[in-house]
Protein backbone atom coordinates (compact mmCIF):
# COMPACT_ATOMS: atom_id res chain seq x y z
CA MET A 1 0.00 0.00 0.00
CA LYS A 2 1.25 3.49 -0.80
CA GLU A 3 1.84 5.86 2.09
CA SER A 4 -0.63 8.38 0.65
CA VAL A 5 -3.39 5.74 0.66
CA LEU A 6 -2.71 4.87 4.29
CA VAL A 7 -2.64 8.56 5.25
CA THR A 8 -6.06 9.03 3.63
CA LYS A 9 -7.46 5.98 5.46
CA ILE A 10 -6.21 7.26 8.81
CA ILE A 11 -7.63 10.74 8.25
CA GLU A 12 -11.00 9.25 7.29
CA LEU A 13 -10.92 7.02 10.38
CA VAL A 14 -10.33 9.95 12.74
CA ARG A 15 -13.00 12.06 11.04
CA GLU A 16 -15.56 9.23 11.04
CA ARG A 17 -15.15 9.02 14.81
CA GLY A 18 -15.81 12.73 15.19
CA GLY A 19 -12.25 14.01 15.29
CA TYR A 20 -10.36 16.58 13.28
CA ALA A 21 -7.41 15.48 11.14
CA GLU A 22 -5.22 17.05 8.46
CA ASN A 23 -2.38 15.79 6.33
CA ILE A 24 0.70 17.95 6.81
CA TRP A 25 2.79 18.48 3.68
CA GLY A 26 6.40 19.36 4.33
CA GLY A 27 7.90 22.35 2.65
CA GLY A 28 10.62 24.94 2.86
CA PHE A 29 8.60 27.19 5.17
CA GLN A 30 7.73 24.50 7.71
CA SER A 31 9.65 22.98 10.58
CA ALA A 32 11.16 19.61 9.65
CA GLY A 33 10.03 16.37 11.27
CA ILE A 34 6.38 17.25 11.88
CA PRO A 35 4.21 14.09 11.75
CA ASP A 36 2.31 13.35 8.54
CA ILE A 37 -1.04 13.78 10.28
CA LEU A 38 -1.97 16.25 12.99
CA ALA A 39 -5.32 15.63 14.63
CA CYS A 40 -7.49 16.32 17.63
CA TYR A 41 -9.81 13.70 19.10
CA LYS A 42 -11.95 14.37 22.16
CA GLY A 43 -9.67 17.20 23.17
CA VAL A 44 -6.43 15.21 22.78
CA PHE A 45 -3.77 16.44 20.36
CA LEU A 46 -2.54 13.63 18.08
CA GLY A 47 0.53 13.33 15.89
CA ILE A 48 0.71 10.37 13.51
CA GLU A 49 3.82 9.62 11.49
CA VAL A 50 2.93 7.16 8.72
CA LYS A 51 5.42 4.68 7.27
CA VAL A 52 5.02 1.81 4.84
CA GLY A 53 7.23 -1.10 3.94
CA LYS A 54 10.81 -0.75 5.09
CA ASN A 55 10.66 3.03 5.50
CA LYS A 56 11.82 4.16 8.92
CA PRO A 57 11.29 7.41 10.80
CA SER A 58 14.22 9.78 10.92
CA ALA A 59 15.80 10.76 14.22
CA LEU A 60 14.05 14.12 13.93
CA GLN A 61 10.65 12.47 13.35
CA LYS A 62 11.20 10.26 16.42
CA ALA A 63 12.14 13.35 18.42
CA LYS A 64 8.95 15.16 17.37
CA VAL A 65 6.86 12.14 18.42
CA LYS A 66 8.56 12.22 21.82
CA ILE A 67 8.02 15.98 22.18
CA ILE A 68 4.30 15.60 21.48
CA ASN A 69 3.98 12.76 24.01
CA ASP A 70 6.01 14.68 26.62
CA ALA A 71 3.74 17.70 26.11
CA GLY A 72 0.63 15.67 26.96
CA GLY A 73 -0.53 14.77 23.46
CA LEU A 74 -0.39 11.33 21.91
CA ALA A 75 1.92 10.56 19.01
CA VAL A 76 2.85 7.34 17.27
CA VAL A 77 4.68 6.02 14.25
CA THR A 78 2.45 3.54 12.45
CA TRP A 79 3.53 1.07 9.76
CA ASP A 80 1.34 -0.40 7.02
CA THR A 81 -1.90 -0.43 9.02
CA THR A 82 -4.45 1.64 10.90
CA ASP A 83 -4.29 -0.70 13.92
CA GLN A 84 -2.16 1.60 16.10
CA VAL A 85 -4.41 4.55 15.34
CA ILE A 86 -7.53 2.55 16.19
CA ALA A 87 -5.89 1.49 19.46
CA MET A 88 -5.00 5.12 20.22
CA LEU A 89 -8.56 6.32 19.56
CA ASP A 90 -10.00 3.44 21.60
CA TYR A 91 -7.63 4.38 24.43
CA ILE A 92 -8.90 7.96 24.36
CA ASP A 93 -12.49 6.69 24.36
CA ARG A 94 -11.78 4.55 27.44
CA LYS A 95 -10.07 7.44 29.22
CA ALA A 96 -13.03 9.69 28.37
CA ASP A 97 -15.32 7.05 29.89
CA GLY A 98 -13.09 6.83 32.99
CA GLN A 99 -12.01 3.26 32.28
CA LYS A 100 -8.54 1.85 32.76
CA SER A 101 -6.73 0.62 29.69
CA VAL A 102 -4.04 -1.92 28.98
CA LEU A 103 -2.28 0.94 27.20
CA ASP A 104 -2.01 3.02 30.39
CA ALA A 105 1.48 1.68 31.05
CA THR A 106 2.73 2.47 27.55
CA ILE A 107 0.91 5.67 26.60
CA GLY A 108 0.35 7.52 29.81
């Protein structure tokens, strides 16, 4: 699957669940390393770096994911699937409902 197809699927997934999501296109006037998708779901800021195949995130992309997580948002690098994004949205839903999650130890 092409990265652009996966990006579109993820954006549609977030929007179908009532969130806001935009694809961020890099350019000369933008800070480097920003995740491919910036979103907000139930008041939580999301950063989603999308990779396919053997592509790997750069050190700067990894650093931006860490900065977002350290700032109280949620950010992930996802490969080839929407599974991580679904898990992240489900986690937010559980937190919004006051339920504990198996992801509490890994996400926050």
